[in-house]
Amino acid sequence: MLAGLLEKDNEDRIFKTYVCVNKNGLVAKYRNLYPLRNSHIILGDRYCVFDLYGWKCGILICSDNNIIENVQNTNLLGANIILMLHVTMCSSSTRPRAGFIDHKLWENRENDPISLRLEFDGMRSI
């Protein structure tokens, strides 16, 4: 199971964190390297690569996904699978440019995949 959370350490510093847990407890923890929009959140300081059921996995979250070097470095550290978690702008949110994708575009994706792709690649992807 993966879960995103705000983590407070022993020094009361706050991190934007994702954890991977299984039935035995914590498997891995990744702290966002480049958190945006909040001066109270501290930057993480390392990449995360771990074994999960025979696979080498890594975690990147939010703005870290947009920096190609993070992907390359996680791969160079051995990750064959990178869990790239982020908030999509295609949700109900008060953020500018956010909002649901018109369901008709999804229903018509077989006949018109370009219109759906443009919706995902347009203003909502910024």
N, C-alpha and C. Protein backbone atom coordinates (compact mmCIF):
# COMPACT_ATOMS: atom_id res chain seq x y z
N MET A 1 0.84 -1.16 0.00
CA MET A 1 0.00 0.00 0.00
C MET A 1 0.89 1.23 0.00
N LEU A 2 0.47 2.23 -0.75
CA LEU A 2 1.15 3.52 -0.78
C LEU A 2 0.25 4.58 -0.15
N ALA A 3 0.86 5.50 0.58
CA ALA A 3 0.08 6.56 1.19
C ALA A 3 0.89 7.85 1.22
N GLY A 4 0.24 8.94 0.87
CA GLY A 4 0.85 10.25 0.95
C GLY A 4 0.47 10.91 2.25
N LEU A 5 1.40 11.65 2.84
CA LEU A 5 1.13 12.29 4.12
C LEU A 5 2.07 13.46 4.34
N LEU A 6 1.71 14.30 5.28
CA LEU A 6 2.63 15.32 5.78
C LEU A 6 3.28 14.72 7.02
N GLU A 7 4.59 14.68 7.01
CA GLU A 7 5.35 14.03 8.08
C GLU A 7 6.07 15.10 8.90
N LYS A 8 6.00 14.98 10.21
CA LYS A 8 6.75 15.87 11.09
C LYS A 8 7.83 15.04 11.77
N ASP A 9 9.09 15.51 11.67
CA ASP A 9 10.19 14.76 12.28
C ASP A 9 10.40 15.21 13.72
N ASN A 10 11.44 14.68 14.37
CA ASN A 10 11.71 14.97 15.78
C ASN A 10 12.06 16.44 16.04
N GLU A 11 12.44 17.15 14.97
CA GLU A 11 12.78 18.56 15.10
C GLU A 11 11.62 19.46 14.67
N ASP A 12 10.43 18.88 14.54
CA ASP A 12 9.21 19.60 14.14
C ASP A 12 9.29 20.16 12.73
N ARG A 13 10.15 19.60 11.88
CA ARG A 13 10.19 19.98 10.47
C ARG A 13 9.13 19.17 9.74
N ILE A 14 8.51 19.78 8.74
CA ILE A 14 7.42 19.12 8.00
C ILE A 14 7.91 18.75 6.61
N PHE A 15 7.62 17.52 6.20
CA PHE A 15 7.98 17.00 4.89
C PHE A 15 6.74 16.50 4.18
N LYS A 16 6.71 16.64 2.88
CA LYS A 16 5.70 16.01 2.03
C LYS A 16 6.26 14.62 1.69
N THR A 17 5.61 13.57 2.17
CA THR A 17 6.18 12.23 2.17
C THR A 17 5.23 11.22 1.55
N TYR A 18 5.79 10.21 0.92
CA TYR A 18 5.04 9.03 0.49
C TYR A 18 5.69 7.83 1.12
N VAL A 19 4.89 6.92 1.63
CA VAL A 19 5.40 5.70 2.23
C VAL A 19 4.82 4.49 1.51
N CYS A 20 5.59 3.42 1.53
CA CYS A 20 5.14 2.12 1.05
C CYS A 20 5.16 1.19 2.25
N VAL A 21 4.03 0.57 2.52
CA VAL A 21 3.94 -0.37 3.64
C VAL A 21 3.37 -1.69 3.15
N ASN A 22 3.73 -2.76 3.84
CA ASN A 22 3.10 -4.06 3.60
C ASN A 22 2.63 -4.61 4.94
N LYS A 23 2.25 -5.86 5.00
CA LYS A 23 1.71 -6.43 6.24
C LYS A 23 2.72 -6.43 7.39
N ASN A 24 4.01 -6.28 7.06
CA ASN A 24 5.04 -6.27 8.09
C ASN A 24 5.45 -4.86 8.52
N GLY A 25 4.91 -3.84 7.88
CA GLY A 25 5.22 -2.47 8.26
C GLY A 25 5.83 -1.66 7.14
N LEU A 26 6.63 -0.67 7.52
CA LEU A 26 7.23 0.26 6.57
C LEU A 26 8.23 -0.43 5.67
N VAL A 27 8.05 -0.27 4.36
CA VAL A 27 8.98 -0.81 3.36
C VAL A 27 9.90 0.29 2.86
N ALA A 28 9.33 1.48 2.61
CA ALA A 28 10.11 2.58 2.06
C ALA A 28 9.43 3.90 2.39
N LYS A 29 10.26 4.96 2.43
CA LYS A 29 9.74 6.31 2.67
C LYS A 29 10.50 7.26 1.75
N TYR A 30 9.75 8.12 1.07
CA TYR A 30 10.34 9.11 0.17
C TYR A 30 9.82 10.49 0.54
N ARG A 31 10.75 11.42 0.69
CA ARG A 31 10.38 12.81 0.96
C ARG A 31 10.59 13.63 -0.30
N ASN A 32 9.56 14.39 -0.66
CA ASN A 32 9.55 15.23 -1.85
C ASN A 32 10.80 16.11 -1.90
N LEU A 33 11.58 16.00 -3.00
CA LEU A 33 12.81 16.77 -3.14
C LEU A 33 12.55 18.24 -3.47
N TYR A 34 11.50 18.51 -4.23
CA TYR A 34 11.20 19.87 -4.67
C TYR A 34 9.74 20.23 -4.41
N PRO A 35 9.32 20.30 -3.14
CA PRO A 35 7.92 20.64 -2.87
C PRO A 35 7.63 22.07 -3.30
N LEU A 36 6.47 22.25 -3.89
CA LEU A 36 6.08 23.58 -4.37
C LEU A 36 5.02 24.20 -3.47
N ARG A 37 4.92 25.51 -3.55
CA ARG A 37 3.80 26.27 -3.00
C ARG A 37 3.70 26.32 -1.49
N ASN A 38 4.71 25.91 -0.74
CA ASN A 38 4.58 25.99 0.70
C ASN A 38 5.96 26.15 1.34
N SER A 39 6.19 27.31 1.92
CA SER A 39 7.50 27.59 2.51
C SER A 39 7.74 26.84 3.81
N HIS A 40 6.71 26.20 4.36
CA HIS A 40 6.85 25.46 5.62
C HIS A 40 7.31 24.02 5.42
N ILE A 41 7.27 23.54 4.18
CA ILE A 41 7.64 22.15 3.90
C ILE A 41 9.12 22.10 3.54
N ILE A 42 9.84 21.22 4.23
CA ILE A 42 11.29 21.06 4.05
C ILE A 42 11.55 20.12 2.88
N LEU A 43 12.62 20.39 2.14
CA LEU A 43 13.00 19.54 1.01
C LEU A 43 13.58 18.22 1.51
N GLY A 44 13.24 17.13 0.81
CA GLY A 44 13.88 15.85 1.07
C GLY A 44 15.32 15.91 0.59
N ASP A 45 16.10 14.89 0.96
CA ASP A 45 17.53 14.95 0.63
C ASP A 45 18.08 13.68 -0.02
N ARG A 46 17.18 12.76 -0.44
CA ARG A 46 17.70 11.54 -1.07
C ARG A 46 16.62 10.87 -1.92
N TYR A 47 17.11 10.10 -2.86
CA TYR A 47 16.22 9.28 -3.68
C TYR A 47 15.85 8.03 -2.89
N CYS A 48 14.83 7.36 -3.36
CA CYS A 48 14.33 6.18 -2.66
C CYS A 48 14.26 5.01 -3.65
N VAL A 49 15.03 3.97 -3.41
CA VAL A 49 14.98 2.74 -4.20
C VAL A 49 14.91 1.58 -3.23
N PHE A 50 13.99 0.65 -3.47
CA PHE A 50 13.77 -0.43 -2.52
C PHE A 50 13.29 -1.68 -3.24
N ASP A 51 13.42 -2.82 -2.57
CA ASP A 51 12.94 -4.10 -3.11
C ASP A 51 11.51 -4.32 -2.68
N LEU A 52 10.69 -4.74 -3.62
CA LEU A 52 9.29 -5.04 -3.33
C LEU A 52 8.88 -6.26 -4.14
N TYR A 53 8.75 -7.38 -3.45
CA TYR A 53 8.34 -8.64 -4.08
C TYR A 53 9.21 -9.00 -5.30
N GLY A 54 10.52 -8.81 -5.15
CA GLY A 54 11.44 -9.17 -6.21
C GLY A 54 11.69 -8.09 -7.25
N TRP A 55 11.04 -6.96 -7.12
CA TRP A 55 11.21 -5.84 -8.06
C TRP A 55 11.98 -4.72 -7.35
N LYS A 56 12.84 -4.04 -8.11
CA LYS A 56 13.51 -2.84 -7.61
C LYS A 56 12.62 -1.65 -7.95
N CYS A 57 12.12 -0.98 -6.93
CA CYS A 57 11.18 0.12 -7.13
C CYS A 57 11.75 1.43 -6.60
N GLY A 58 11.28 2.52 -7.16
CA GLY A 58 11.59 3.85 -6.67
C GLY A 58 10.30 4.64 -6.54
N ILE A 59 10.36 5.74 -5.83
CA ILE A 59 9.20 6.61 -5.67
C ILE A 59 9.61 8.03 -6.03
N LEU A 60 8.77 8.69 -6.81
CA LEU A 60 8.86 10.14 -7.04
C LEU A 60 7.46 10.69 -6.86
N ILE A 61 7.35 11.89 -6.30
CA ILE A 61 6.02 12.47 -6.09
C ILE A 61 5.96 13.90 -6.60
N CYS A 62 4.78 14.28 -6.99
CA CYS A 62 4.42 15.65 -7.37
C CYS A 62 5.44 16.29 -8.30
N SER A 63 5.97 17.44 -7.91
CA SER A 63 6.85 18.20 -8.79
C SER A 63 8.14 17.47 -9.13
N ASP A 64 8.55 16.50 -8.32
CA ASP A 64 9.76 15.72 -8.63
C ASP A 64 9.61 14.94 -9.93
N ASN A 65 8.39 14.61 -10.31
CA ASN A 65 8.13 13.88 -11.56
C ASN A 65 8.46 14.72 -12.79
N ASN A 66 8.46 16.03 -12.65
CA ASN A 66 8.65 16.92 -13.80
C ASN A 66 10.12 17.18 -14.11
N ILE A 67 11.01 16.66 -13.32
CA ILE A 67 12.45 16.89 -13.51
C ILE A 67 13.07 15.57 -13.97
N ILE A 68 13.47 15.52 -15.24
CA ILE A 68 13.93 14.28 -15.86
C ILE A 68 15.12 13.68 -15.12
N GLU A 69 15.97 14.52 -14.54
CA GLU A 69 17.13 14.00 -13.81
C GLU A 69 16.71 13.16 -12.61
N ASN A 70 15.57 13.46 -12.01
CA ASN A 70 15.09 12.63 -10.90
C ASN A 70 14.74 11.22 -11.37
N VAL A 71 14.12 11.15 -12.53
CA VAL A 71 13.79 9.85 -13.11
C VAL A 71 15.08 9.10 -13.44
N GLN A 72 16.01 9.79 -14.11
CA GLN A 72 17.28 9.16 -14.48
C GLN A 72 18.06 8.68 -13.26
N ASN A 73 18.14 9.52 -12.23
CA ASN A 73 18.89 9.15 -11.03
C ASN A 73 18.26 7.98 -10.30
N THR A 74 16.94 7.96 -10.23
CA THR A 74 16.26 6.84 -9.57
C THR A 74 16.52 5.55 -10.33
N ASN A 75 16.51 5.63 -11.65
CA ASN A 75 16.82 4.47 -12.47
C ASN A 75 18.28 4.05 -12.31
N LEU A 76 19.20 5.01 -12.31
CA LEU A 76 20.62 4.70 -12.14
C LEU A 76 20.92 4.05 -10.79
N LEU A 77 20.09 4.35 -9.80
CA LEU A 77 20.25 3.73 -8.48
C LEU A 77 19.66 2.32 -8.44
N GLY A 78 19.09 1.87 -9.58
CA GLY A 78 18.64 0.48 -9.67
C GLY A 78 17.16 0.26 -9.85
N ALA A 79 16.35 1.31 -9.81
CA ALA A 79 14.90 1.12 -9.93
C ALA A 79 14.50 0.69 -11.34
N ASN A 80 13.77 -0.42 -11.43
CA ASN A 80 13.19 -0.87 -12.69
C ASN A 80 11.75 -0.37 -12.83
N ILE A 81 11.12 -0.10 -11.70
CA ILE A 81 9.76 0.44 -11.65
C ILE A 81 9.81 1.71 -10.82
N ILE A 82 9.26 2.80 -11.36
CA ILE A 82 9.20 4.05 -10.60
C ILE A 82 7.74 4.40 -10.39
N LEU A 83 7.35 4.47 -9.13
CA LEU A 83 5.99 4.88 -8.77
C LEU A 83 5.98 6.40 -8.77
N MET A 84 5.28 6.97 -9.76
CA MET A 84 5.31 8.42 -9.97
C MET A 84 3.95 9.01 -9.61
N LEU A 85 3.79 9.32 -8.35
CA LEU A 85 2.51 9.76 -7.82
C LEU A 85 2.40 11.27 -7.89
N HIS A 86 1.22 11.74 -8.27
CA HIS A 86 0.99 13.18 -8.35
C HIS A 86 -0.49 13.45 -8.39
N VAL A 87 -0.82 14.70 -8.13
CA VAL A 87 -2.21 15.14 -8.23
C VAL A 87 -2.46 15.57 -9.66
N THR A 88 -3.48 15.05 -10.25
CA THR A 88 -3.84 15.48 -11.59
C THR A 88 -4.73 16.71 -11.50
N MET A 89 -4.64 17.54 -12.50
CA MET A 89 -5.50 18.72 -12.53
C MET A 89 -6.92 18.35 -12.98
N CYS A 90 -7.12 17.10 -13.28
CA CYS A 90 -8.44 16.64 -13.75
C CYS A 90 -9.28 16.16 -12.58
N SER A 91 -9.35 16.97 -11.55
CA SER A 91 -10.12 16.62 -10.36
C SER A 91 -10.92 17.83 -9.92
N SER A 92 -11.83 17.60 -8.99
CA SER A 92 -12.58 18.74 -8.47
C SER A 92 -11.68 19.46 -7.49
N SER A 93 -11.28 20.65 -7.84
CA SER A 93 -10.35 21.42 -7.03
C SER A 93 -10.60 22.89 -7.25
N THR A 94 -10.22 23.68 -6.28
CA THR A 94 -10.34 25.13 -6.41
C THR A 94 -9.12 25.73 -7.11
N ARG A 95 -8.13 24.90 -7.44
CA ARG A 95 -6.94 25.40 -8.12
C ARG A 95 -7.28 25.89 -9.52
N PRO A 96 -6.58 26.94 -9.98
CA PRO A 96 -6.81 27.41 -11.35
C PRO A 96 -6.55 26.30 -12.36
N ARG A 97 -7.35 26.24 -13.38
CA ARG A 97 -7.26 25.27 -14.50
C ARG A 97 -7.67 23.86 -14.10
N ALA A 98 -7.99 23.62 -12.84
CA ALA A 98 -8.42 22.27 -12.45
C ALA A 98 -9.88 22.08 -12.83
N GLY A 99 -10.29 20.86 -12.90
CA GLY A 99 -11.69 20.54 -13.18
C GLY A 99 -11.77 19.20 -13.88
N PHE A 100 -12.91 18.59 -13.77
CA PHE A 100 -13.10 17.27 -14.37
C PHE A 100 -13.04 17.34 -15.89
N ILE A 101 -12.55 16.27 -16.48
CA ILE A 101 -12.58 16.11 -17.93
C ILE A 101 -14.01 15.75 -18.32
N ASP A 102 -14.48 16.33 -19.41
CA ASP A 102 -15.82 16.00 -19.89
C ASP A 102 -15.91 14.50 -20.15
N HIS A 103 -16.85 13.85 -19.50
CA HIS A 103 -16.99 12.39 -19.61
C HIS A 103 -17.22 11.94 -21.05
N LYS A 104 -17.82 12.80 -21.87
CA LYS A 104 -18.05 12.44 -23.28
C LYS A 104 -16.73 12.24 -24.03
N LEU A 105 -15.69 12.99 -23.66
CA LEU A 105 -14.37 12.79 -24.28
C LEU A 105 -13.84 11.39 -23.97
N TRP A 106 -14.03 10.95 -22.73
CA TRP A 106 -13.58 9.61 -22.35
C TRP A 106 -14.39 8.54 -23.08
N GLU A 107 -15.70 8.71 -23.10
CA GLU A 107 -16.56 7.73 -23.76
C GLU A 107 -16.24 7.61 -25.25
N ASN A 108 -15.77 8.68 -25.86
CA ASN A 108 -15.49 8.70 -27.30
C ASN A 108 -13.98 8.53 -27.59
N ARG A 109 -13.21 8.05 -26.61
CA ARG A 109 -11.75 7.95 -26.75
C ARG A 109 -11.31 7.04 -27.88
N GLU A 110 -12.09 6.02 -28.20
CA GLU A 110 -11.74 5.09 -29.28
C GLU A 110 -11.84 5.78 -30.64
N ASN A 111 -12.89 6.60 -30.81
CA ASN A 111 -13.13 7.28 -32.08
C ASN A 111 -12.34 8.57 -32.22
N ASP A 112 -12.06 9.22 -31.09
CA ASP A 112 -11.39 10.52 -31.13
C ASP A 112 -10.36 10.63 -30.00
N PRO A 113 -9.27 9.87 -30.07
CA PRO A 113 -8.28 9.92 -28.99
C PRO A 113 -7.55 11.26 -28.92
N ILE A 114 -7.50 11.99 -30.01
CA ILE A 114 -6.76 13.25 -30.05
C ILE A 114 -7.41 14.30 -29.14
N SER A 115 -8.74 14.40 -29.17
CA SER A 115 -9.42 15.38 -28.33
C SER A 115 -9.18 15.09 -26.84
N LEU A 116 -9.20 13.83 -26.47
CA LEU A 116 -8.93 13.47 -25.08
C LEU A 116 -7.49 13.79 -24.72
N ARG A 117 -6.55 13.46 -25.58
CA ARG A 117 -5.13 13.75 -25.32
C ARG A 117 -4.91 15.25 -25.19
N LEU A 118 -5.54 16.05 -26.04
CA LEU A 118 -5.39 17.51 -25.96
C LEU A 118 -5.91 18.05 -24.63
N GLU A 119 -6.97 17.44 -24.11
CA GLU A 119 -7.51 17.85 -22.82
C GLU A 119 -6.50 17.58 -21.71
N PHE A 120 -5.84 16.43 -21.75
CA PHE A 120 -4.84 16.09 -20.73
C PHE A 120 -3.56 16.91 -20.89
N ASP A 121 -3.19 17.21 -22.14
CA ASP A 121 -1.94 17.92 -22.40
C ASP A 121 -2.10 19.43 -22.39
N GLY A 122 -3.32 19.91 -22.28
CA GLY A 122 -3.58 21.34 -22.33
C GLY A 122 -3.33 22.04 -21.02
N MET A 123 -4.14 23.03 -20.70
CA MET A 123 -3.95 23.86 -19.52
C MET A 123 -3.97 23.07 -18.22
N ARG A 124 -4.64 21.94 -18.18
CA ARG A 124 -4.71 21.16 -16.95
C ARG A 124 -3.37 20.49 -16.63
N SER A 125 -2.50 20.37 -17.58
CA SER A 125 -1.22 19.69 -17.34
C SER A 125 -0.13 20.62 -16.84
N ILE A 126 -0.43 21.91 -16.79
CA ILE A 126 0.59 22.90 -16.38
C ILE A 126 0.75 22.90 -14.88
